[in-house]
N, C-alpha and C. Protein backbone atom coordinates (compact mmCIF):
# COMPACT_ATOMS: atom_id res chain seq x y z
N UNK A 1 -31.00 112.62 -79.08
CA UNK A 1 -30.28 112.92 -77.85
C UNK A 1 -28.86 113.35 -78.20
N UNK A 2 -28.30 114.15 -77.32
CA UNK A 2 -26.93 114.60 -77.51
C UNK A 2 -25.98 113.72 -76.69
N UNK A 3 -24.71 113.85 -76.97
CA UNK A 3 -23.71 113.10 -76.21
C UNK A 3 -23.80 113.45 -74.73
N UNK A 4 -23.96 114.74 -74.42
CA UNK A 4 -24.05 115.16 -73.02
C UNK A 4 -25.29 114.58 -72.33
N UNK A 5 -26.42 114.54 -73.03
CA UNK A 5 -27.65 113.97 -72.47
C UNK A 5 -27.50 112.48 -72.23
N UNK A 6 -26.91 111.79 -73.21
CA UNK A 6 -26.67 110.35 -73.04
C UNK A 6 -25.72 110.08 -71.88
N UNK A 7 -24.66 110.88 -71.77
CA UNK A 7 -23.69 110.69 -70.68
C UNK A 7 -24.33 110.96 -69.33
N UNK A 8 -25.18 111.99 -69.25
CA UNK A 8 -25.86 112.30 -67.99
C UNK A 8 -26.78 111.15 -67.58
N UNK A 9 -27.48 110.57 -68.53
CA UNK A 9 -28.35 109.42 -68.24
C UNK A 9 -27.52 108.23 -67.77
N UNK A 10 -26.37 108.00 -68.41
CA UNK A 10 -25.47 106.91 -68.01
C UNK A 10 -24.96 107.14 -66.58
N UNK A 11 -24.53 108.35 -66.26
CA UNK A 11 -24.05 108.67 -64.92
C UNK A 11 -25.16 108.42 -63.90
N UNK A 12 -26.39 108.84 -64.21
CA UNK A 12 -27.50 108.66 -63.28
C UNK A 12 -27.72 107.17 -63.01
N UNK A 13 -27.66 106.36 -64.06
CA UNK A 13 -27.82 104.91 -63.90
C UNK A 13 -26.69 104.33 -63.04
N UNK A 14 -25.47 104.76 -63.30
CA UNK A 14 -24.33 104.27 -62.51
C UNK A 14 -24.49 104.65 -61.04
N UNK A 15 -24.91 105.88 -60.76
CA UNK A 15 -25.09 106.30 -59.38
C UNK A 15 -26.23 105.53 -58.72
N UNK A 16 -27.27 105.19 -59.50
CA UNK A 16 -28.34 104.34 -58.96
C UNK A 16 -27.79 102.97 -58.57
N UNK A 17 -26.88 102.44 -59.40
CA UNK A 17 -26.36 101.08 -59.19
C UNK A 17 -25.29 101.02 -58.10
N UNK A 18 -24.33 101.96 -58.11
CA UNK A 18 -23.20 101.85 -57.18
C UNK A 18 -23.03 103.04 -56.25
N UNK A 19 -23.87 104.05 -56.40
CA UNK A 19 -23.78 105.22 -55.54
C UNK A 19 -24.31 104.93 -54.14
N UNK A 20 -23.91 105.76 -53.22
CA UNK A 20 -24.35 105.63 -51.84
C UNK A 20 -25.03 106.94 -51.42
N UNK A 21 -26.10 106.85 -50.63
CA UNK A 21 -26.74 108.08 -50.17
C UNK A 21 -25.85 108.79 -49.16
N UNK A 22 -25.84 110.11 -49.24
CA UNK A 22 -25.04 110.92 -48.32
C UNK A 22 -25.87 112.10 -47.85
N UNK A 23 -25.38 112.74 -46.81
CA UNK A 23 -25.84 114.07 -46.45
C UNK A 23 -24.70 115.01 -46.82
N UNK A 24 -24.98 115.88 -47.78
CA UNK A 24 -24.02 116.91 -48.16
C UNK A 24 -24.23 118.08 -47.22
N UNK A 25 -23.18 118.53 -46.57
CA UNK A 25 -23.26 119.61 -45.59
C UNK A 25 -22.58 120.86 -46.15
N UNK A 26 -23.39 121.83 -46.55
CA UNK A 26 -22.87 123.07 -47.12
C UNK A 26 -22.47 124.02 -46.01
N UNK A 27 -21.22 124.45 -46.03
CA UNK A 27 -20.69 125.37 -45.04
C UNK A 27 -21.20 126.78 -45.34
N UNK A 28 -22.01 127.32 -44.45
CA UNK A 28 -22.54 128.67 -44.65
C UNK A 28 -21.68 129.73 -43.97
N UNK A 29 -20.65 129.29 -43.25
CA UNK A 29 -19.83 130.21 -42.47
C UNK A 29 -20.29 130.30 -41.03
N UNK A 30 -21.55 129.93 -40.81
CA UNK A 30 -22.12 129.95 -39.45
C UNK A 30 -22.48 128.54 -39.02
N UNK A 31 -22.98 127.76 -39.98
CA UNK A 31 -23.43 126.39 -39.71
C UNK A 31 -23.27 125.58 -40.99
N UNK A 32 -23.72 124.33 -40.95
CA UNK A 32 -23.69 123.46 -42.12
C UNK A 32 -25.12 123.08 -42.47
N UNK A 33 -25.57 123.49 -43.65
CA UNK A 33 -26.93 123.15 -44.11
C UNK A 33 -26.92 121.78 -44.77
N UNK A 34 -27.82 120.86 -44.35
CA UNK A 34 -27.83 119.49 -44.88
C UNK A 34 -28.69 119.35 -46.15
N UNK A 35 -28.18 118.55 -47.07
CA UNK A 35 -28.89 118.21 -48.30
C UNK A 35 -28.67 116.73 -48.61
N UNK A 36 -29.68 116.08 -49.17
CA UNK A 36 -29.54 114.68 -49.58
C UNK A 36 -28.96 114.63 -50.99
N UNK A 37 -28.00 113.73 -51.19
CA UNK A 37 -27.37 113.54 -52.50
C UNK A 37 -26.82 112.11 -52.55
N UNK A 38 -26.12 111.82 -53.63
CA UNK A 38 -25.46 110.51 -53.79
C UNK A 38 -23.99 110.71 -54.11
N UNK A 39 -23.20 109.70 -53.75
CA UNK A 39 -21.76 109.74 -54.02
C UNK A 39 -21.29 108.36 -54.44
N UNK A 40 -20.29 108.33 -55.28
CA UNK A 40 -19.55 107.10 -55.59
C UNK A 40 -18.15 107.31 -55.04
N UNK A 41 -17.70 106.38 -54.21
CA UNK A 41 -16.39 106.46 -53.56
C UNK A 41 -15.42 105.52 -54.26
N UNK A 42 -14.24 106.03 -54.55
CA UNK A 42 -13.17 105.22 -55.13
C UNK A 42 -11.89 105.57 -54.37
N UNK A 43 -11.24 104.56 -53.83
CA UNK A 43 -10.00 104.79 -53.08
C UNK A 43 -8.90 105.23 -54.03
N UNK A 44 -7.96 105.97 -53.50
CA UNK A 44 -6.79 106.37 -54.28
C UNK A 44 -5.84 105.18 -54.40
N UNK A 45 -5.23 105.02 -55.56
CA UNK A 45 -4.19 104.02 -55.76
C UNK A 45 -2.91 104.50 -55.09
N UNK A 46 -2.05 103.59 -54.66
CA UNK A 46 -0.80 104.01 -54.02
C UNK A 46 0.02 104.98 -54.87
N UNK A 47 0.02 104.81 -56.19
CA UNK A 47 0.81 105.71 -57.04
C UNK A 47 0.19 107.10 -57.17
N UNK A 48 -1.04 107.29 -56.66
CA UNK A 48 -1.69 108.60 -56.68
C UNK A 48 -1.46 109.37 -55.38
N UNK A 49 -0.83 108.74 -54.41
CA UNK A 49 -0.61 109.38 -53.11
C UNK A 49 0.64 110.23 -53.16
N UNK A 50 0.48 111.36 -53.82
CA UNK A 50 1.57 112.32 -53.94
C UNK A 50 1.07 113.67 -53.43
N UNK A 51 1.98 114.56 -53.13
CA UNK A 51 1.58 115.86 -52.62
C UNK A 51 0.86 115.71 -51.30
N UNK A 52 -0.35 116.24 -51.23
CA UNK A 52 -1.10 116.23 -49.98
C UNK A 52 -2.08 115.06 -49.87
N UNK A 53 -2.16 114.19 -50.89
CA UNK A 53 -3.06 113.03 -50.86
C UNK A 53 -2.47 111.98 -49.92
N UNK A 54 -3.28 111.53 -48.95
CA UNK A 54 -2.79 110.54 -47.98
C UNK A 54 -3.57 109.24 -48.10
N UNK A 55 -3.11 108.21 -47.39
CA UNK A 55 -3.73 106.89 -47.40
C UNK A 55 -5.18 106.92 -46.93
N UNK A 56 -5.52 107.82 -46.05
CA UNK A 56 -6.88 107.85 -45.50
C UNK A 56 -7.84 108.72 -46.32
N UNK A 57 -7.31 109.44 -47.31
CA UNK A 57 -8.18 110.25 -48.17
C UNK A 57 -9.00 109.36 -49.09
N UNK A 58 -10.17 109.83 -49.45
CA UNK A 58 -11.03 109.14 -50.40
C UNK A 58 -11.36 110.07 -51.56
N UNK A 59 -11.55 109.47 -52.73
CA UNK A 59 -12.01 110.22 -53.90
C UNK A 59 -13.50 109.96 -54.03
N UNK A 60 -14.28 111.02 -54.12
CA UNK A 60 -15.72 110.88 -54.27
C UNK A 60 -16.20 111.57 -55.53
N UNK A 61 -17.22 110.99 -56.14
CA UNK A 61 -17.88 111.59 -57.30
C UNK A 61 -19.28 112.00 -56.86
N UNK A 62 -19.56 113.30 -56.93
CA UNK A 62 -20.88 113.82 -56.58
C UNK A 62 -21.64 114.09 -57.87
N UNK A 63 -22.82 113.51 -58.02
CA UNK A 63 -23.60 113.63 -59.24
C UNK A 63 -24.18 115.04 -59.36
N UNK A 64 -23.82 115.74 -60.41
CA UNK A 64 -24.28 117.12 -60.61
C UNK A 64 -25.80 117.19 -60.70
N UNK A 65 -26.43 116.19 -61.30
CA UNK A 65 -27.90 116.20 -61.43
C UNK A 65 -28.60 116.21 -60.08
N UNK A 66 -28.02 115.56 -59.07
CA UNK A 66 -28.60 115.58 -57.72
C UNK A 66 -28.63 117.02 -57.19
N UNK A 67 -27.56 117.76 -57.45
CA UNK A 67 -27.45 119.13 -56.96
C UNK A 67 -28.41 120.05 -57.70
N UNK A 68 -28.53 119.86 -59.00
CA UNK A 68 -29.45 120.67 -59.80
C UNK A 68 -30.89 120.39 -59.40
N UNK A 69 -31.26 119.12 -59.31
CA UNK A 69 -32.64 118.74 -58.98
C UNK A 69 -33.04 119.17 -57.58
N UNK A 70 -32.09 119.12 -56.66
CA UNK A 70 -32.39 119.46 -55.27
C UNK A 70 -32.06 120.88 -54.89
N UNK A 71 -31.72 121.71 -55.89
CA UNK A 71 -31.33 123.10 -55.64
C UNK A 71 -30.26 123.18 -54.54
N UNK A 72 -29.28 122.29 -54.65
CA UNK A 72 -28.19 122.22 -53.67
C UNK A 72 -27.06 123.13 -54.14
N UNK A 73 -26.49 123.96 -53.25
CA UNK A 73 -25.37 124.80 -53.65
C UNK A 73 -24.17 123.97 -54.12
N UNK A 74 -23.39 124.56 -55.01
CA UNK A 74 -22.21 123.90 -55.56
C UNK A 74 -21.24 123.54 -54.44
N UNK A 75 -20.67 122.31 -54.48
CA UNK A 75 -19.70 121.94 -53.43
C UNK A 75 -18.40 122.73 -53.57
N UNK A 76 -17.86 123.11 -52.43
CA UNK A 76 -16.59 123.83 -52.38
C UNK A 76 -15.75 123.29 -51.23
N UNK A 77 -14.47 123.64 -51.26
CA UNK A 77 -13.58 123.26 -50.17
C UNK A 77 -14.16 123.82 -48.87
N UNK A 78 -14.18 123.00 -47.83
CA UNK A 78 -14.72 123.42 -46.54
C UNK A 78 -16.10 122.85 -46.26
N UNK A 79 -16.76 122.34 -47.31
CA UNK A 79 -18.03 121.65 -47.09
C UNK A 79 -17.73 120.27 -46.53
N UNK A 80 -18.78 119.53 -46.18
CA UNK A 80 -18.61 118.19 -45.61
C UNK A 80 -19.59 117.22 -46.22
N UNK A 81 -19.28 115.94 -46.07
CA UNK A 81 -20.13 114.86 -46.54
C UNK A 81 -20.26 113.85 -45.40
N UNK A 82 -21.48 113.44 -45.07
CA UNK A 82 -21.68 112.37 -44.10
C UNK A 82 -22.12 111.13 -44.86
N UNK A 83 -21.34 110.07 -44.69
CA UNK A 83 -21.54 108.81 -45.39
C UNK A 83 -21.46 107.69 -44.37
N UNK A 84 -22.50 106.89 -44.28
CA UNK A 84 -22.55 105.75 -43.34
C UNK A 84 -22.19 106.17 -41.92
N UNK A 85 -22.70 107.33 -41.50
CA UNK A 85 -22.49 107.79 -40.13
C UNK A 85 -21.17 108.46 -39.87
N UNK A 86 -20.30 108.57 -40.86
CA UNK A 86 -19.00 109.21 -40.68
C UNK A 86 -18.95 110.48 -41.52
N UNK A 87 -18.43 111.55 -40.94
CA UNK A 87 -18.35 112.83 -41.64
C UNK A 87 -16.94 113.06 -42.16
N UNK A 88 -16.87 113.48 -43.43
CA UNK A 88 -15.62 113.76 -44.11
C UNK A 88 -15.59 115.22 -44.55
N UNK A 89 -14.43 115.84 -44.44
CA UNK A 89 -14.25 117.20 -44.95
C UNK A 89 -13.91 117.15 -46.43
N UNK A 90 -14.45 118.07 -47.20
CA UNK A 90 -14.09 118.20 -48.61
C UNK A 90 -12.85 119.07 -48.69
N UNK A 91 -11.75 118.48 -49.16
CA UNK A 91 -10.47 119.19 -49.25
C UNK A 91 -10.27 119.86 -50.60
N UNK A 92 -10.70 119.20 -51.66
CA UNK A 92 -10.54 119.70 -53.02
C UNK A 92 -11.79 119.38 -53.83
N UNK A 93 -12.08 120.24 -54.81
CA UNK A 93 -13.21 120.02 -55.71
C UNK A 93 -12.72 120.22 -57.15
N UNK A 94 -12.97 119.21 -57.99
CA UNK A 94 -12.64 119.30 -59.42
C UNK A 94 -13.94 119.33 -60.20
N UNK A 95 -14.21 120.47 -60.84
CA UNK A 95 -15.45 120.63 -61.61
C UNK A 95 -15.20 120.55 -63.10
N UNK A 96 -14.02 120.16 -63.50
CA UNK A 96 -13.68 120.18 -64.93
C UNK A 96 -13.53 118.80 -65.56
N UNK A 97 -13.11 117.81 -64.81
CA UNK A 97 -12.76 116.51 -65.38
C UNK A 97 -13.98 115.75 -65.90
N UNK A 98 -15.09 115.82 -65.21
CA UNK A 98 -16.28 115.05 -65.58
C UNK A 98 -17.29 115.94 -66.30
N UNK A 99 -16.84 116.55 -67.39
CA UNK A 99 -17.67 117.46 -68.16
C UNK A 99 -17.65 117.04 -69.63
N UNK A 100 -18.81 117.07 -70.28
CA UNK A 100 -18.91 116.74 -71.70
C UNK A 100 -19.69 117.85 -72.38
N UNK A 101 -19.10 118.42 -73.42
CA UNK A 101 -19.74 119.48 -74.21
C UNK A 101 -20.28 120.60 -73.33
N UNK A 102 -19.53 120.95 -72.30
CA UNK A 102 -19.93 122.03 -71.41
C UNK A 102 -20.95 121.64 -70.35
N UNK A 103 -21.36 120.38 -70.31
CA UNK A 103 -22.32 119.91 -69.31
C UNK A 103 -21.58 119.17 -68.21
N UNK A 104 -21.69 119.68 -66.98
CA UNK A 104 -21.05 119.04 -65.83
C UNK A 104 -21.84 117.81 -65.43
N UNK A 105 -21.17 116.66 -65.38
CA UNK A 105 -21.81 115.41 -64.99
C UNK A 105 -21.60 115.11 -63.51
N UNK A 106 -20.40 115.38 -63.02
CA UNK A 106 -20.08 115.10 -61.62
C UNK A 106 -18.89 115.94 -61.18
N UNK A 107 -18.88 116.24 -59.89
CA UNK A 107 -17.70 116.83 -59.28
C UNK A 107 -16.87 115.70 -58.69
N UNK A 108 -15.57 115.81 -58.80
CA UNK A 108 -14.68 114.89 -58.09
C UNK A 108 -14.19 115.64 -56.87
N UNK A 109 -14.37 115.02 -55.70
CA UNK A 109 -13.94 115.66 -54.46
C UNK A 109 -12.96 114.76 -53.73
N UNK A 110 -12.01 115.39 -53.06
CA UNK A 110 -11.09 114.64 -52.18
C UNK A 110 -11.60 114.82 -50.77
N UNK A 111 -11.82 113.70 -50.09
CA UNK A 111 -12.41 113.69 -48.76
C UNK A 111 -11.38 113.27 -47.72
N UNK A 112 -11.45 113.89 -46.56
CA UNK A 112 -10.57 113.55 -45.44
C UNK A 112 -11.43 113.28 -44.22
N UNK A 113 -11.12 112.19 -43.53
CA UNK A 113 -11.87 111.83 -42.32
C UNK A 113 -11.54 112.78 -41.18
């Protein structure tokens, strides 16, 4: 196995353990197409609330394997996530931080209620 394969398996296990089911809503420009996926939510620390990050924003990790397996379009700003009955707008998407050897493991998204 490669480092990227091992890391992807580890991420999948973590999402199984602490991830939450969501409905990812892809903005088509006309409507929002729903897809099932998983997310791990981590609140921002007070020292991270700079620029446009606010107290009510959430940091979410979307598992790339869920998107690949489900043929889900890549998340972008303007898409939405429904979690526990509440819908959040995706404000920012980071596709670079959670990557190993060119393999994307997860997107980090900033969510706003």
